[in-house]
Protein backbone atom coordinates (compact mmCIF):
# COMPACT_ATOMS: atom_id res chain seq x y z
CA UNK A 1 0.00 0.00 0.00
CA UNK A 2 1.46 3.42 -0.90
CA UNK A 3 2.59 5.46 2.07
CA UNK A 4 2.03 9.19 2.57
CA UNK A 5 4.66 11.87 2.10
CA UNK A 6 4.29 12.63 5.81
CA UNK A 7 5.33 9.10 6.73
CA UNK A 8 8.33 9.28 4.42
CA UNK A 9 9.32 12.55 6.04
CA UNK A 10 8.90 11.07 9.52
CA UNK A 11 11.10 8.07 8.70
CA UNK A 12 13.78 10.26 7.16
CA UNK A 13 13.80 12.45 10.27
CA UNK A 14 14.15 9.46 12.60
CA UNK A 15 17.03 8.00 10.59
CA UNK A 16 19.03 11.16 11.25
CA UNK A 17 18.63 10.78 15.03
CA UNK A 18 21.01 8.77 17.20
CA UNK A 19 20.11 5.18 18.17
CA UNK A 20 19.88 4.33 21.86
CA UNK A 21 21.73 1.07 21.22
CA UNK A 22 18.92 -1.18 22.42
CA UNK A 23 20.15 -4.19 24.39
CA UNK A 24 17.74 -7.04 25.23
CA UNK A 25 17.23 -7.87 28.89
CA UNK A 26 17.83 -11.61 28.44
CA UNK A 27 18.12 -14.39 25.90
CA UNK A 28 15.17 -15.28 23.71
CA UNK A 29 13.34 -18.34 25.05
CA UNK A 30 12.72 -21.27 22.74
CA UNK A 31 9.27 -21.73 21.23
CA UNK A 32 6.59 -19.18 20.49
CA UNK A 33 7.05 -15.61 21.72
CA UNK A 34 4.12 -13.22 21.97
CA UNK A 35 5.20 -9.58 22.12
CA UNK A 36 2.83 -7.50 24.27
CA UNK A 37 3.56 -3.79 24.01
CA UNK A 38 1.83 -1.62 26.64
CA UNK A 39 2.85 2.03 26.28
CA UNK A 40 0.12 3.38 28.58
CA UNK A 41 1.22 3.70 32.20
CA UNK A 42 -0.85 2.72 35.22
CA UNK A 43 -2.47 -0.47 33.95
CA UNK A 44 0.18 -2.91 35.12
CA UNK A 45 -2.19 -5.23 37.01
CA UNK A 46 -4.37 -5.78 33.95
CA UNK A 47 -1.33 -6.33 31.72
CA UNK A 48 0.18 -8.95 34.00
CA UNK A 49 -3.17 -10.69 34.48
CA UNK A 50 -3.65 -10.86 30.71
CA UNK A 51 -0.13 -12.23 30.23
CA UNK A 52 -0.62 -14.91 32.89
CA UNK A 53 -3.97 -15.87 31.36
CA UNK A 54 -2.51 -16.16 27.85
CA UNK A 55 0.37 -18.32 29.10
CA UNK A 56 -2.08 -20.56 30.95
CA UNK A 57 -4.06 -21.13 27.74
CA UNK A 58 -1.12 -22.22 25.56
CA UNK A 59 1.66 -24.62 26.54
CA UNK A 60 5.15 -23.39 25.76
CA UNK A 61 4.16 -19.79 25.08
CA UNK A 62 6.49 -17.06 26.36
CA UNK A 63 5.39 -13.43 26.56
CA UNK A 64 7.62 -10.40 26.15
CA UNK A 65 6.09 -7.31 27.77
CA UNK A 66 7.52 -3.95 26.75
CA UNK A 67 6.23 -1.13 28.92
CA UNK A 68 7.37 2.05 30.70
CA UNK A 69 5.72 0.75 33.88
CA UNK A 70 8.03 -0.84 36.44
CA UNK A 71 6.56 -4.33 36.51
CA UNK A 72 7.94 -7.46 38.14
CA UNK A 73 7.64 -10.70 36.22
CA UNK A 74 5.59 -13.31 38.11
CA UNK A 75 7.23 -16.25 36.32
CA UNK A 76 10.10 -17.21 34.01
CA UNK A 77 7.97 -17.32 30.86
CA UNK A 78 6.90 -13.68 31.20
CA UNK A 79 9.74 -11.30 30.32
CA UNK A 80 9.70 -7.57 31.09
CA UNK A 81 11.73 -5.27 28.87
CA UNK A 82 11.72 -1.78 27.38
CA UNK A 83 10.59 -1.10 23.83
CA UNK A 84 13.30 0.03 21.41
CA UNK A 85 13.55 3.57 20.10
CA UNK A 86 12.26 4.46 16.66
CA UNK A 87 15.74 4.34 15.15
CA UNK A 88 16.04 1.56 12.52
CA UNK A 89 19.18 0.13 14.17
CA UNK A 90 17.44 -0.31 17.53
CA UNK A 91 14.38 -1.82 15.88
CA UNK A 92 16.48 -4.27 13.87
CA UNK A 93 18.25 -5.41 17.05
CA UNK A 94 14.94 -5.79 18.90
CA UNK A 95 13.14 -7.77 16.20
CA UNK A 96 16.21 -9.81 15.30
CA UNK A 97 16.67 -10.90 18.90
CA UNK A 98 13.11 -11.60 20.02
CA UNK A 99 11.63 -12.76 16.70
CA UNK A 100 8.04 -12.49 17.94
CA UNK A 101 5.38 -14.51 16.16
CA UNK A 102 2.51 -12.22 17.15
CA UNK A 103 2.47 -8.65 18.44
CA UNK A 104 -0.29 -7.41 20.75
CA UNK A 105 -0.31 -3.59 20.98
CA UNK A 106 -2.35 -2.21 23.86
CA UNK A 107 -3.78 1.34 23.69
CA UNK A 108 -2.26 3.88 21.27
CA UNK A 109 1.08 5.73 21.50
CA UNK A 110 2.06 4.51 18.06
CA UNK A 111 5.71 3.96 17.13
CA UNK A 112 5.43 4.05 13.34
CA UNK A 113 8.85 2.65 12.46
CA UNK A 114 8.59 -0.17 15.00
CA UNK A 115 5.11 -1.18 13.89
CA UNK A 116 5.90 -1.05 10.18
CA UNK A 117 9.13 -3.00 10.66
CA UNK A 118 7.36 -5.67 12.70
CA UNK A 119 4.70 -6.00 10.01
CA UNK A 120 7.36 -6.22 7.30
CA UNK A 121 9.01 -9.02 9.28
CA UNK A 122 5.81 -11.05 9.20
CA UNK A 123 4.64 -10.33 12.74
CA UNK A 124 0.85 -10.62 12.98
CA UNK A 125 -0.23 -7.41 14.73
CA UNK A 126 -3.30 -7.02 16.95
CA UNK A 127 -4.33 -3.79 18.66
CA UNK A 128 -6.51 -3.99 21.77
CA UNK A 129 -7.76 -1.57 24.43
CA UNK A 130 -7.58 1.32 21.93
CA UNK A 131 -8.95 4.62 23.24
CA UNK A 132 -9.85 7.85 21.49
CA UNK A 133 -6.64 9.44 22.79
CA UNK A 134 -3.07 8.29 22.48
CA UNK A 135 -2.67 8.23 18.70
CA UNK A 136 -1.16 11.66 18.26
CA UNK A 137 1.36 13.58 20.28
CA UNK A 138 2.29 17.22 20.09
CA UNK A 139 5.60 16.51 18.38
CA UNK A 140 3.98 14.71 15.45
CA UNK A 141 0.95 16.88 14.77
CA UNK A 142 2.63 18.21 11.65
CA UNK A 143 2.42 14.62 10.29
CA UNK A 144 -1.36 14.03 10.32
CA UNK A 145 -1.28 11.09 7.89
CA UNK A 146 1.27 8.98 9.81
CA UNK A 147 -1.27 7.36 12.14
CA UNK A 148 -3.50 6.46 9.18
CA UNK A 149 -0.60 4.75 7.42
CA UNK A 150 0.49 2.86 10.51
CA UNK A 151 -2.96 1.62 11.56
CA UNK A 152 -3.18 -0.28 8.28
CA UNK A 153 -0.52 -2.65 9.66
CA UNK A 154 -2.88 -4.09 12.27
CA UNK A 155 -4.88 -7.18 11.41
CA UNK A 156 -7.40 -6.65 14.23
CA UNK A 157 -8.34 -3.59 16.30
CA UNK A 158 -10.36 -3.79 19.54
CA UNK A 159 -11.56 -0.51 21.07
CA UNK A 160 -12.58 0.45 24.60
CA UNK A 161 -15.68 2.52 23.94
CA UNK A 162 -18.04 4.02 21.40
CA UNK A 163 -16.14 7.36 21.41
CA UNK A 164 -12.94 5.43 20.72
CA UNK A 165 -14.62 3.59 17.86
CA UNK A 166 -15.84 6.86 16.35
CA UNK A 167 -12.39 8.44 16.69
CA UNK A 168 -10.58 5.51 15.08
CA UNK A 169 -13.15 5.16 12.31
CA UNK A 170 -12.07 8.61 11.14
CA UNK A 171 -8.43 7.67 11.56
CA UNK A 172 -8.49 4.35 9.70
CA UNK A 173 -8.13 4.19 5.95
CA UNK A 174 -7.74 0.39 5.82
CA UNK A 175 -10.50 -2.21 5.66
CA UNK A 176 -9.79 -3.55 9.16
CA UNK A 177 -13.00 -3.85 11.16
CA UNK A 178 -13.07 -2.07 14.51
CA UNK A 179 -14.52 -4.21 17.30
CA UNK A 180 -16.10 -2.67 20.38
CA UNK A 181 -14.82 -4.92 23.17
CA UNK A 182 -14.70 -2.71 26.26
CA UNK A 183 -11.64 -1.75 28.34
CA UNK A 184 -8.94 -4.15 29.45
CA UNK A 185 -9.35 -4.63 33.21
CA UNK A 186 -7.45 -6.61 35.78
CA UNK A 187 -8.96 -10.02 36.36
CA UNK A 188 -7.64 -13.08 38.11
CA UNK A 189 -6.69 -16.66 37.47
CA UNK A 190 -8.69 -19.01 39.68
CA UNK A 191 -6.58 -20.26 42.58
CA UNK A 192 -6.30 -24.07 42.87
CA UNK A 193 -7.65 -26.15 45.74
CA UNK A 194 -8.05 -29.78 46.76
CA UNK A 195 -11.62 -30.95 46.28
CA UNK A 196 -11.39 -33.63 48.98
CA UNK A 197 -10.27 -31.04 51.56
CA UNK A 198 -13.16 -28.79 50.55
CA UNK A 199 -15.71 -31.60 50.82
CA UNK A 200 -14.43 -32.89 54.17
CA UNK A 201 -14.15 -29.46 55.75
CA UNK A 202 -17.57 -28.35 54.49
CA UNK A 203 -19.18 -31.49 55.92
CA UNK A 204 -17.61 -30.91 59.33
CA UNK A 205 -18.47 -27.20 59.48
CA UNK A 206 -22.03 -27.62 58.26
CA UNK A 207 -23.82 -24.30 58.55
CA UNK A 208 -21.41 -22.79 61.07
CA UNK A 209 -20.42 -19.15 60.29
CA UNK A 210 -16.77 -18.81 59.25
CA UNK A 211 -14.40 -16.04 58.20
CA UNK A 212 -10.87 -16.15 56.85
CA UNK A 213 -7.98 -13.79 57.69
CA UNK A 214 -5.32 -14.10 54.96
CA UNK A 215 -1.61 -13.23 55.13
CA UNK A 216 -1.86 -11.65 58.58
CA UNK A 217 1.36 -9.88 59.51
CA UNK A 218 2.77 -10.15 63.07
CA UNK A 219 1.62 -6.61 63.84
CA UNK A 220 -1.90 -7.48 62.67
CA UNK A 221 -2.44 -10.70 64.65
CA UNK A 222 -3.57 -8.92 67.83
CA UNK A 223 -6.05 -6.79 65.85
CA UNK A 224 -7.53 -9.82 64.05
CA UNK A 225 -7.88 -11.89 67.22
CA UNK A 226 -9.39 -8.95 69.13
CA UNK A 227 -11.86 -8.41 66.29
CA UNK A 228 -12.77 -12.09 66.44
CA UNK A 229 -13.43 -11.91 70.17
CA UNK A 230 -15.66 -8.90 69.56
CA UNK A 231 -17.61 -10.71 66.84
CA UNK A 232 -17.98 -13.82 69.02
CA UNK A 233 -20.17 -11.82 71.40
CA UNK A 234 -22.83 -11.61 68.69
CA UNK A 235 -22.13 -14.91 66.93
CA UNK A 236 -20.82 -17.37 69.50
CA UNK A 237 -20.34 -20.21 66.98
CA UNK A 238 -18.21 -18.08 64.66
CA UNK A 239 -14.99 -19.74 63.47
CA UNK A 240 -11.90 -17.84 62.33
CA UNK A 241 -9.41 -19.44 59.93
CA UNK A 242 -6.19 -17.56 60.65
CA UNK A 243 -3.45 -17.57 58.03
CA UNK A 244 -0.22 -15.84 59.12
CA UNK A 245 1.83 -14.12 56.43
CA UNK A 246 4.67 -16.59 56.99
CA UNK A 247 4.67 -20.17 58.22
CA UNK A 248 7.41 -19.23 60.71
CA UNK A 249 4.79 -17.15 62.57
CA UNK A 250 2.75 -20.22 63.56
CA UNK A 251 4.20 -20.72 67.05
CA UNK A 252 3.83 -17.02 67.90
CA UNK A 253 0.20 -17.11 66.73
CA UNK A 254 -0.51 -20.16 68.86
CA UNK A 255 0.99 -18.41 71.89
CA UNK A 256 -1.09 -15.29 71.22
CA UNK A 257 -4.31 -17.30 70.94
CA UNK A 258 -3.55 -19.08 74.20
CA UNK A 259 -2.88 -15.75 75.95
CA UNK A 260 -6.20 -14.43 74.58
CA UNK A 261 -8.07 -17.46 75.88
CA UNK A 262 -9.14 -18.61 72.40
CA UNK A 263 -9.54 -22.33 71.79
CA UNK A 264 -7.69 -23.35 68.64
CA UNK A 265 -6.76 -26.19 66.30
CA UNK A 266 -3.91 -26.46 63.80
CA UNK A 267 -4.77 -27.41 60.21
CA UNK A 268 -1.23 -28.55 59.37
CA UNK A 269 -1.37 -31.06 62.24
CA UNK A 270 -4.39 -32.72 60.67
CA UNK A 271 -6.74 -31.23 63.29
CA UNK A 272 -10.30 -30.46 62.31
CA UNK A 273 -12.21 -27.81 64.30
CA UNK A 274 -14.82 -29.25 66.65
CA UNK A 275 -17.73 -27.26 68.09
CA UNK A 276 -15.50 -25.82 70.82
CA UNK A 277 -12.79 -24.58 68.47
CA UNK A 278 -12.83 -20.82 67.91
CA UNK A 279 -9.76 -20.38 65.68
CA UNK A 280 -8.24 -22.73 63.11
CA UNK A 281 -4.60 -21.88 62.44
CA UNK A 282 -3.79 -22.59 58.78
CA UNK A 283 -0.25 -21.46 58.03
CA UNK A 284 0.27 -22.84 54.50
CA UNK A 285 0.72 -20.12 51.89
CA UNK A 286 -0.67 -22.13 48.96
CA UNK A 287 -4.19 -22.88 50.15
CA UNK A 288 -5.94 -19.54 49.69
CA UNK A 289 -8.03 -21.16 46.95
CA UNK A 290 -9.55 -23.51 49.54
CA UNK A 291 -10.29 -20.89 52.20
CA UNK A 292 -11.67 -18.26 49.82
CA UNK A 293 -14.11 -20.88 48.53
CA UNK A 294 -15.17 -21.96 52.03
CA UNK A 295 -15.36 -18.62 53.86
CA UNK A 296 -18.19 -16.25 52.88
CA UNK A 297 -16.16 -13.37 54.36
CA UNK A 298 -12.40 -12.75 54.19
CA UNK A 299 -10.09 -10.14 55.65
CA UNK A 300 -7.14 -9.59 53.31
CA UNK A 301 -4.21 -8.89 55.59
CA UNK A 302 -0.84 -7.24 55.04
CA UNK A 303 -2.91 -4.08 54.74
CA UNK A 304 -3.41 -2.47 58.15
CA UNK A 305 0.01 -1.08 59.02
CA UNK A 306 1.93 1.53 57.02
CA UNK A 307 4.55 0.09 54.71
CA UNK A 308 2.36 -2.89 53.76
CA UNK A 309 0.93 -3.34 50.27
CA UNK A 310 -2.04 -5.72 50.47
CA UNK A 311 -3.13 -8.84 48.59
CA UNK A 312 -4.77 -9.23 45.19
CA UNK A 313 -8.49 -8.80 46.00
CA UNK A 314 -9.70 -10.11 42.64
CA UNK A 315 -8.40 -13.57 43.52
CA UNK A 316 -10.70 -13.51 46.54
CA UNK A 317 -13.67 -11.91 44.81
CA UNK A 318 -13.48 -14.39 41.96
CA UNK A 319 -14.00 -17.26 44.40
CA UNK A 320 -17.12 -15.87 46.03
CA UNK A 321 -16.00 -14.29 49.28
CA UNK A 322 -16.89 -10.82 50.57
CA UNK A 323 -13.81 -8.71 51.32
CA UNK A 324 -12.54 -6.61 54.21
CA UNK A 325 -9.20 -4.85 53.94
CA UNK A 326 -6.98 -2.23 55.56
CA UNK A 327 -5.93 1.12 54.08
CA UNK A 328 -2.45 0.10 52.88
CA UNK A 329 -3.10 -1.68 49.60
CA UNK A 330 -1.21 0.46 47.10
CA UNK A 331 -0.03 -2.49 44.98
CA UNK A 332 -3.66 -3.27 44.13
CA UNK A 333 -5.39 0.06 44.65
CA UNK A 334 -7.28 0.10 41.30
CA UNK A 335 -8.78 -3.33 42.03
CA UNK A 336 -9.82 -2.41 45.57
CA UNK A 337 -11.34 0.81 44.27
CA UNK A 338 -13.44 -1.09 41.73
CA UNK A 339 -14.62 -3.61 44.33
CA UNK A 340 -15.38 -0.99 46.98
CA UNK A 341 -17.38 1.10 44.49
CA UNK A 342 -19.45 -1.97 43.64
CA UNK A 343 -20.12 -2.77 47.32
CA UNK A 344 -18.01 -5.95 47.22
CA UNK A 345 -15.30 -4.77 49.62
CA UNK A 346 -15.18 -2.61 52.74
CA UNK A 347 -12.20 -0.85 54.27
CA UNK A 348 -11.48 -1.19 58.00
CA UNK A 349 -8.90 0.76 59.95
CA UNK A 350 -8.69 -0.81 63.40
CA UNK A 351 -9.87 -3.56 65.74
CA UNK A 352 -13.27 -2.02 66.44
CA UNK A 353 -14.04 -1.48 62.76
CA UNK A 354 -12.88 -4.98 61.80
CA UNK A 355 -14.83 -6.66 64.60
CA UNK A 356 -17.98 -4.70 63.83
CA UNK A 357 -17.72 -5.45 60.11
CA UNK A 358 -17.24 -9.17 60.73
CA UNK A 359 -20.22 -9.29 63.10
CA UNK A 360 -22.42 -7.48 60.58
CA UNK A 361 -21.30 -9.05 57.31
CA UNK A 362 -21.03 -12.66 58.45
CA UNK A 363 -24.78 -12.98 57.99
CA UNK A 364 -25.52 -14.99 54.81
CA UNK A 365 -27.56 -12.21 53.17
CA UNK A 366 -24.88 -9.54 53.58
CA UNK A 367 -21.99 -11.76 52.55
CA UNK A 368 -23.84 -13.18 49.55
CA UNK A 369 -24.76 -9.73 48.29
CA UNK A 370 -21.16 -8.54 48.51
CA UNK A 371 -19.87 -11.72 46.91
CA UNK A 372 -22.25 -11.34 43.99
CA UNK A 373 -21.09 -7.76 43.47
CA UNK A 374 -17.50 -8.96 43.57
CA UNK A 375 -18.17 -11.60 40.95
CA UNK A 376 -19.70 -8.95 38.71
CA UNK A 377 -16.54 -6.85 39.00
CA UNK A 378 -14.24 -9.78 38.25
CA UNK A 379 -16.37 -10.70 35.24
CA UNK A 380 -16.36 -7.20 33.72
CA UNK A 381 -13.18 -7.71 31.73
CA UNK A 382 -13.80 -11.34 30.81
CA UNK A 383 -15.22 -10.67 27.34
CA UNK A 384 -12.28 -8.60 26.13
CA UNK A 385 -9.80 -11.09 27.61
CA UNK A 386 -11.58 -13.95 25.87
CA UNK A 387 -11.58 -12.09 22.54
CA UNK A 388 -7.88 -11.23 22.81
CA UNK A 389 -7.14 -14.86 23.68
CA UNK A 390 -9.09 -16.04 20.64
CA UNK A 391 -7.30 -13.64 18.28
CA UNK A 392 -3.86 -14.49 19.66
CA UNK A 393 -4.48 -18.25 19.45
CA UNK A 394 -5.73 -17.97 15.87
CA UNK A 395 -2.71 -15.91 14.85
CA UNK A 396 -0.24 -18.28 16.53
CA UNK A 397 -1.88 -21.30 14.92
CA UNK A 398 -1.78 -19.70 11.51
CA UNK A 399 1.77 -18.32 11.71
CA UNK A 400 4.37 -20.10 9.65
CA UNK A 401 6.82 -21.76 12.00
CA UNK A 402 4.40 -21.39 14.91
CA UNK A 403 5.54 -24.75 16.31
CA UNK A 404 9.21 -25.03 17.17
Foldseek 3Di string as FASTA:
>chain_A
DDADPLQVVVLVVLQPDDWPPDDDPDAADPAAEEEEEEADPDQVLLVLQLQVVLCVVDPPYAYEYAYPYDDDHPDDRYHYDHQTALHPVRLCVVCVGHVHQEYEYEEAQDSQSNQVVCLVSNHAYEYEAYALDNHDDPVSPVRLLSSQVSVQSHQEYEYADPNRQVNVVVSYPDPHDYHDFHGRHRFDDAADADPVVLVVQCVQCPPFQEEEEEQAEPVCLVLVVLLLVLLCVLRVQYAYEYEHNALVCVVVSVVVCVVVVAAEAEVVVVDHDHSRHRYYYYHDPRHPSSRLLVHLEYEFHQAADPPGATDACNNSLQNRHAYEYEHRNPVHVVLVVQLVVLVRYDYDHTSVRSSVCCNPQSPPVNSNSSSVSSNCSNCPNVRVSVVVSVVVVVSLVPGVVSGD
